[in-house]
């Protein structure tokens, strides 16, 4: 994918910050739910939170660690697919970006077609 236009880049940076805040809010909500689960021991909660944080660290790296114009469209697609960017926020970008992101999300959300096992054995 190519670099985005300067006008889209200008929009991208604050929306990226907003998406990061939303991501962190979700993680903190998960941690809070786990931490307040009185049915589990404190150690069980600690272990579960530790595992969650390791998983979310990988996700946050993948989603937010690269801040380049050449990867911005991919990040916008990922933000939209993760519901970290609203439809209204997406529509602030140029029509080319909006179309690219909508196509990506549409394709990503299509169910996979599975061949009938009977047809596979023929």
N, C-alpha and C. Protein backbone atom coordinates (compact mmCIF):
# COMPACT_ATOMS: atom_id res chain seq x y z
N UNK A 1 0.85 -1.18 0.00
CA UNK A 1 0.00 0.00 0.00
C UNK A 1 0.89 1.23 0.00
N UNK A 2 0.40 2.31 -0.54
CA UNK A 2 1.18 3.54 -0.66
C UNK A 2 0.96 4.48 0.52
N UNK A 3 1.79 5.50 0.60
CA UNK A 3 1.64 6.51 1.65
C UNK A 3 0.31 7.22 1.50
N UNK A 4 -0.26 7.60 2.64
CA UNK A 4 -1.51 8.35 2.59
C UNK A 4 -1.21 9.83 2.36
N UNK A 5 -2.21 10.53 1.90
CA UNK A 5 -2.06 11.95 1.62
C UNK A 5 -1.81 12.72 2.91
N UNK A 6 -1.13 13.85 2.83
CA UNK A 6 -0.87 14.66 4.03
C UNK A 6 -2.14 15.02 4.80
N UNK A 7 -3.23 15.29 4.10
CA UNK A 7 -4.48 15.65 4.80
C UNK A 7 -5.02 14.47 5.60
N UNK A 8 -4.89 13.24 5.07
CA UNK A 8 -5.31 12.05 5.81
C UNK A 8 -4.36 11.76 6.97
N UNK A 9 -3.08 12.00 6.75
CA UNK A 9 -2.08 11.80 7.80
C UNK A 9 -2.37 12.71 8.98
N UNK A 10 -2.76 13.94 8.67
CA UNK A 10 -3.07 14.91 9.73
C UNK A 10 -4.26 14.43 10.56
N UNK A 11 -5.24 13.81 9.92
CA UNK A 11 -6.40 13.25 10.63
C UNK A 11 -6.02 11.98 11.40
N UNK A 12 -5.12 11.21 10.79
CA UNK A 12 -4.77 9.91 11.35
C UNK A 12 -4.18 10.00 12.75
N UNK A 13 -3.25 10.90 12.95
CA UNK A 13 -2.52 10.92 14.21
C UNK A 13 -3.43 11.10 15.44
N UNK A 14 -4.34 12.08 15.46
CA UNK A 14 -5.20 12.18 16.65
C UNK A 14 -6.20 11.02 16.76
N UNK A 15 -6.65 10.47 15.62
CA UNK A 15 -7.56 9.33 15.68
C UNK A 15 -6.84 8.07 16.16
N UNK A 16 -5.57 7.97 15.83
CA UNK A 16 -4.75 6.87 16.33
C UNK A 16 -4.64 6.97 17.85
N UNK A 17 -4.42 8.17 18.36
CA UNK A 17 -4.35 8.38 19.81
C UNK A 17 -5.67 8.00 20.48
N UNK A 18 -6.78 8.34 19.83
CA UNK A 18 -8.10 8.00 20.36
C UNK A 18 -8.30 6.48 20.36
N UNK A 19 -7.89 5.82 19.28
CA UNK A 19 -8.00 4.37 19.21
C UNK A 19 -7.15 3.71 20.30
N UNK A 20 -5.97 4.25 20.55
CA UNK A 20 -5.11 3.72 21.61
C UNK A 20 -5.78 3.86 22.97
N UNK A 21 -6.39 5.00 23.22
CA UNK A 21 -7.11 5.20 24.49
C UNK A 21 -8.25 4.19 24.63
N UNK A 22 -8.98 3.94 23.56
CA UNK A 22 -10.07 2.97 23.60
C UNK A 22 -9.55 1.56 23.86
N UNK A 23 -8.45 1.22 23.20
CA UNK A 23 -7.84 -0.09 23.41
C UNK A 23 -7.46 -0.25 24.89
N UNK A 24 -6.77 0.73 25.43
CA UNK A 24 -6.33 0.68 26.83
C UNK A 24 -7.52 0.62 27.78
N UNK A 25 -8.56 1.36 27.47
CA UNK A 25 -9.76 1.32 28.31
C UNK A 25 -10.35 -0.09 28.35
N UNK A 26 -10.40 -0.75 27.22
CA UNK A 26 -10.91 -2.12 27.17
C UNK A 26 -10.07 -3.06 28.03
N UNK A 27 -8.77 -2.92 27.90
CA UNK A 27 -7.86 -3.78 28.66
C UNK A 27 -8.04 -3.53 30.15
N UNK A 28 -8.10 -2.28 30.54
CA UNK A 28 -8.28 -1.96 31.95
C UNK A 28 -9.63 -2.46 32.48
N UNK A 29 -10.67 -2.41 31.65
CA UNK A 29 -11.97 -2.97 32.04
C UNK A 29 -11.86 -4.49 32.25
N UNK A 30 -11.13 -5.16 31.35
CA UNK A 30 -10.93 -6.60 31.50
C UNK A 30 -10.18 -6.91 32.80
N UNK A 31 -9.13 -6.15 33.06
CA UNK A 31 -8.34 -6.34 34.27
C UNK A 31 -9.21 -6.13 35.51
N UNK A 32 -10.04 -5.10 35.46
CA UNK A 32 -10.92 -4.81 36.58
C UNK A 32 -11.90 -5.96 36.84
N UNK A 33 -12.48 -6.48 35.76
CA UNK A 33 -13.42 -7.61 35.92
C UNK A 33 -12.73 -8.82 36.51
N UNK A 34 -11.55 -9.12 36.00
CA UNK A 34 -10.81 -10.27 36.51
C UNK A 34 -10.41 -10.03 37.97
N UNK A 35 -9.92 -8.85 38.26
CA UNK A 35 -9.45 -8.53 39.60
C UNK A 35 -10.55 -8.54 40.64
N UNK A 36 -11.77 -8.30 40.23
CA UNK A 36 -12.87 -8.25 41.19
C UNK A 36 -13.66 -9.56 41.27
N UNK A 37 -13.20 -10.59 40.59
CA UNK A 37 -13.89 -11.89 40.59
C UNK A 37 -13.58 -12.62 41.91
N UNK A 38 -14.48 -12.47 42.88
CA UNK A 38 -14.27 -13.05 44.21
C UNK A 38 -14.38 -14.57 44.23
N UNK A 39 -14.82 -15.17 43.13
CA UNK A 39 -14.92 -16.64 43.06
C UNK A 39 -13.54 -17.27 42.87
N UNK A 40 -12.58 -16.48 42.47
CA UNK A 40 -11.22 -16.97 42.23
C UNK A 40 -10.30 -16.45 43.33
N UNK A 41 -9.26 -17.23 43.59
CA UNK A 41 -8.28 -16.79 44.59
C UNK A 41 -7.49 -15.61 44.02
N UNK A 42 -6.82 -14.89 44.90
CA UNK A 42 -6.00 -13.76 44.45
C UNK A 42 -4.91 -14.24 43.50
N UNK A 43 -4.34 -15.38 43.77
CA UNK A 43 -3.31 -15.91 42.89
C UNK A 43 -3.89 -16.26 41.51
N UNK A 44 -5.04 -16.88 41.48
CA UNK A 44 -5.69 -17.20 40.21
C UNK A 44 -5.97 -15.93 39.40
N UNK A 45 -6.43 -14.90 40.09
CA UNK A 45 -6.70 -13.63 39.42
C UNK A 45 -5.41 -13.01 38.90
N UNK A 46 -4.37 -13.08 39.71
CA UNK A 46 -3.07 -12.54 39.29
C UNK A 46 -2.58 -13.25 38.03
N UNK A 47 -2.63 -14.56 38.04
CA UNK A 47 -2.16 -15.34 36.88
C UNK A 47 -2.99 -15.01 35.65
N UNK A 48 -4.30 -14.90 35.82
CA UNK A 48 -5.17 -14.58 34.69
C UNK A 48 -4.87 -13.17 34.15
N UNK A 49 -4.66 -12.23 35.03
CA UNK A 49 -4.32 -10.86 34.60
C UNK A 49 -2.96 -10.85 33.90
N UNK A 50 -2.01 -11.58 34.44
CA UNK A 50 -0.68 -11.64 33.83
C UNK A 50 -0.77 -12.20 32.40
N UNK A 51 -1.52 -13.27 32.22
CA UNK A 51 -1.70 -13.87 30.89
C UNK A 51 -2.41 -12.90 29.95
N UNK A 52 -3.42 -12.25 30.46
CA UNK A 52 -4.16 -11.27 29.64
C UNK A 52 -3.23 -10.15 29.19
N UNK A 53 -2.42 -9.64 30.10
CA UNK A 53 -1.52 -8.53 29.75
C UNK A 53 -0.49 -8.96 28.71
N UNK A 54 0.01 -10.16 28.81
CA UNK A 54 0.95 -10.65 27.79
C UNK A 54 0.27 -10.70 26.42
N UNK A 55 -0.96 -11.17 26.40
CA UNK A 55 -1.72 -11.25 25.14
C UNK A 55 -2.00 -9.85 24.60
N UNK A 56 -2.45 -8.95 25.46
CA UNK A 56 -2.78 -7.59 25.02
C UNK A 56 -1.53 -6.81 24.63
N UNK A 57 -0.40 -7.09 25.26
CA UNK A 57 0.86 -6.44 24.86
C UNK A 57 1.20 -6.78 23.42
N UNK A 58 1.00 -8.02 23.04
CA UNK A 58 1.26 -8.42 21.65
C UNK A 58 0.31 -7.69 20.70
N UNK A 59 -0.94 -7.57 21.10
CA UNK A 59 -1.93 -6.89 20.26
C UNK A 59 -1.61 -5.40 20.13
N UNK A 60 -1.27 -4.77 21.24
CA UNK A 60 -0.99 -3.33 21.19
C UNK A 60 0.25 -3.06 20.34
N UNK A 61 1.23 -3.94 20.43
CA UNK A 61 2.43 -3.79 19.58
C UNK A 61 2.04 -3.87 18.11
N UNK A 62 1.26 -4.89 17.77
CA UNK A 62 0.85 -5.10 16.38
C UNK A 62 0.02 -3.94 15.85
N UNK A 63 -0.85 -3.41 16.68
CA UNK A 63 -1.76 -2.36 16.24
C UNK A 63 -1.15 -0.96 16.23
N UNK A 64 -0.27 -0.67 17.18
CA UNK A 64 0.12 0.73 17.39
C UNK A 64 1.61 1.05 17.27
N UNK A 65 2.46 0.06 17.22
CA UNK A 65 3.89 0.35 17.29
C UNK A 65 4.48 1.02 16.05
N UNK A 66 3.86 0.91 14.92
CA UNK A 66 4.41 1.51 13.71
C UNK A 66 3.64 2.78 13.37
N UNK A 67 4.34 3.89 13.38
CA UNK A 67 3.71 5.16 13.03
C UNK A 67 4.41 5.68 11.77
N UNK A 68 3.88 5.21 10.63
CA UNK A 68 4.43 5.62 9.33
C UNK A 68 3.28 5.87 8.37
N UNK A 69 3.51 6.76 7.46
CA UNK A 69 2.50 7.02 6.44
C UNK A 69 2.28 5.79 5.56
N UNK A 70 3.31 5.00 5.39
CA UNK A 70 3.21 3.82 4.53
C UNK A 70 2.37 2.70 5.15
N UNK A 71 2.18 2.72 6.47
CA UNK A 71 1.39 1.67 7.13
C UNK A 71 0.08 2.19 7.71
N UNK A 72 -0.19 3.45 7.54
CA UNK A 72 -1.37 4.07 8.17
C UNK A 72 -2.68 3.43 7.72
N UNK A 73 -2.81 3.12 6.43
CA UNK A 73 -4.07 2.54 5.95
C UNK A 73 -4.29 1.17 6.59
N UNK A 74 -3.22 0.39 6.71
CA UNK A 74 -3.34 -0.91 7.39
C UNK A 74 -3.79 -0.72 8.83
N UNK A 75 -3.24 0.28 9.49
CA UNK A 75 -3.62 0.54 10.88
C UNK A 75 -5.08 0.99 10.96
N UNK A 76 -5.50 1.84 10.04
CA UNK A 76 -6.90 2.29 10.04
C UNK A 76 -7.82 1.08 9.85
N UNK A 77 -7.45 0.18 8.95
CA UNK A 77 -8.23 -1.05 8.75
C UNK A 77 -8.31 -1.85 10.05
N UNK A 78 -7.18 -2.01 10.71
CA UNK A 78 -7.14 -2.77 11.97
C UNK A 78 -7.96 -2.08 13.05
N UNK A 79 -7.87 -0.77 13.14
CA UNK A 79 -8.65 -0.02 14.15
C UNK A 79 -10.14 -0.22 13.90
N UNK A 80 -10.53 -0.13 12.65
CA UNK A 80 -11.96 -0.27 12.31
C UNK A 80 -12.43 -1.70 12.57
N UNK A 81 -11.61 -2.68 12.20
CA UNK A 81 -11.96 -4.08 12.41
C UNK A 81 -12.08 -4.41 13.90
N UNK A 82 -11.32 -3.70 14.74
CA UNK A 82 -11.35 -3.92 16.19
C UNK A 82 -12.35 -3.00 16.89
N UNK A 83 -13.13 -2.26 16.13
CA UNK A 83 -14.09 -1.28 16.67
C UNK A 83 -13.40 -0.24 17.56
N UNK A 84 -12.21 0.14 17.16
CA UNK A 84 -11.50 1.20 17.87
C UNK A 84 -11.68 2.54 17.16
N UNK A 85 -12.33 2.51 16.02
CA UNK A 85 -12.59 3.69 15.21
C UNK A 85 -14.04 3.59 14.75
N UNK A 86 -14.82 4.63 14.97
CA UNK A 86 -16.23 4.59 14.59
C UNK A 86 -16.39 4.85 13.10
N UNK A 87 -17.56 4.54 12.61
CA UNK A 87 -17.90 4.81 11.21
C UNK A 87 -17.78 6.31 10.93
N UNK A 88 -18.27 7.11 11.83
CA UNK A 88 -18.20 8.57 11.68
C UNK A 88 -16.74 9.06 11.62
N UNK A 89 -15.91 8.51 12.47
CA UNK A 89 -14.50 8.89 12.45
C UNK A 89 -13.82 8.45 11.15
N UNK A 90 -14.16 7.25 10.68
CA UNK A 90 -13.61 6.78 9.41
C UNK A 90 -13.98 7.71 8.27
N UNK A 91 -15.19 8.21 8.27
CA UNK A 91 -15.69 9.06 7.19
C UNK A 91 -14.97 10.41 7.10
N UNK A 92 -14.16 10.74 8.07
CA UNK A 92 -13.38 11.97 8.01
C UNK A 92 -12.24 11.87 7.00
N UNK A 93 -11.82 10.64 6.69
CA UNK A 93 -10.73 10.44 5.76
C UNK A 93 -11.21 10.62 4.32
N UNK A 94 -10.26 10.66 3.41
CA UNK A 94 -10.58 10.80 1.99
C UNK A 94 -11.40 9.59 1.52
N UNK A 95 -12.19 9.78 0.47
CA UNK A 95 -13.01 8.67 -0.06
C UNK A 95 -12.18 7.42 -0.39
N UNK A 96 -10.94 7.59 -0.86
CA UNK A 96 -10.10 6.44 -1.20
C UNK A 96 -9.80 5.60 0.03
N UNK A 97 -9.49 6.26 1.12
CA UNK A 97 -9.19 5.55 2.38
C UNK A 97 -10.45 4.85 2.88
N UNK A 98 -11.56 5.57 2.87
CA UNK A 98 -12.82 5.00 3.36
C UNK A 98 -13.17 3.74 2.56
N UNK A 99 -13.06 3.82 1.25
CA UNK A 99 -13.38 2.67 0.40
C UNK A 99 -12.45 1.50 0.69
N UNK A 100 -11.16 1.77 0.81
CA UNK A 100 -10.19 0.71 1.10
C UNK A 100 -10.51 0.03 2.44
N UNK A 101 -10.79 0.82 3.44
CA UNK A 101 -11.07 0.27 4.77
C UNK A 101 -12.38 -0.51 4.76
N UNK A 102 -13.41 0.04 4.14
CA UNK A 102 -14.70 -0.66 4.08
C UNK A 102 -14.56 -1.99 3.35
N UNK A 103 -13.81 -2.01 2.26
CA UNK A 103 -13.60 -3.26 1.53
C UNK A 103 -12.87 -4.28 2.38
N UNK A 104 -11.85 -3.83 3.08
CA UNK A 104 -11.10 -4.73 3.95
C UNK A 104 -12.00 -5.32 5.03
N UNK A 105 -12.76 -4.47 5.70
CA UNK A 105 -13.62 -4.94 6.80
C UNK A 105 -14.71 -5.87 6.26
N UNK A 106 -15.25 -5.54 5.10
CA UNK A 106 -16.28 -6.40 4.50
C UNK A 106 -15.72 -7.78 4.20
N UNK A 107 -14.55 -7.83 3.59
CA UNK A 107 -13.92 -9.11 3.26
C UNK A 107 -13.57 -9.87 4.53
N UNK A 108 -13.05 -9.16 5.50
CA UNK A 108 -12.65 -9.79 6.77
C UNK A 108 -13.85 -10.41 7.48
N UNK A 109 -14.99 -9.79 7.37
CA UNK A 109 -16.17 -10.25 8.09
C UNK A 109 -17.00 -11.29 7.34
N UNK A 110 -16.62 -11.58 6.11
CA UNK A 110 -17.36 -12.59 5.36
C UNK A 110 -17.09 -13.96 5.96
N UNK A 111 -18.15 -14.76 6.11
CA UNK A 111 -17.92 -16.11 6.63
C UNK A 111 -17.17 -16.95 5.59
N UNK A 112 -16.36 -17.84 6.08
CA UNK A 112 -15.64 -18.74 5.19
C UNK A 112 -16.60 -19.80 4.68
N UNK A 113 -16.48 -20.11 3.40
CA UNK A 113 -17.30 -21.16 2.83
C UNK A 113 -16.56 -22.47 3.02
N UNK A 114 -17.28 -23.47 3.54
CA UNK A 114 -16.70 -24.76 3.78
C UNK A 114 -17.34 -25.74 2.82
N UNK A 115 -16.50 -26.48 2.14
CA UNK A 115 -16.99 -27.50 1.22
C UNK A 115 -17.62 -28.63 2.02
N UNK A 116 -18.67 -29.16 1.49
CA UNK A 116 -19.32 -30.33 2.07
C UNK A 116 -18.34 -31.51 1.99
N UNK A 117 -18.15 -32.23 3.07
CA UNK A 117 -17.20 -33.33 3.08
C UNK A 117 -17.52 -34.37 2.03
N UNK A 118 -18.80 -34.56 1.74
CA UNK A 118 -19.20 -35.51 0.72
C UNK A 118 -18.64 -35.12 -0.65
N UNK A 119 -18.70 -33.82 -0.96
CA UNK A 119 -18.19 -33.32 -2.24
C UNK A 119 -16.68 -33.42 -2.32
N UNK A 120 -16.00 -33.34 -1.19
CA UNK A 120 -14.54 -33.40 -1.19
C UNK A 120 -14.03 -34.80 -1.51
N UNK A 121 -14.78 -35.83 -1.13
CA UNK A 121 -14.33 -37.20 -1.34
C UNK A 121 -14.59 -37.72 -2.75
N UNK A 122 -15.26 -36.96 -3.57
CA UNK A 122 -15.57 -37.40 -4.94
C UNK A 122 -14.46 -37.12 -5.88
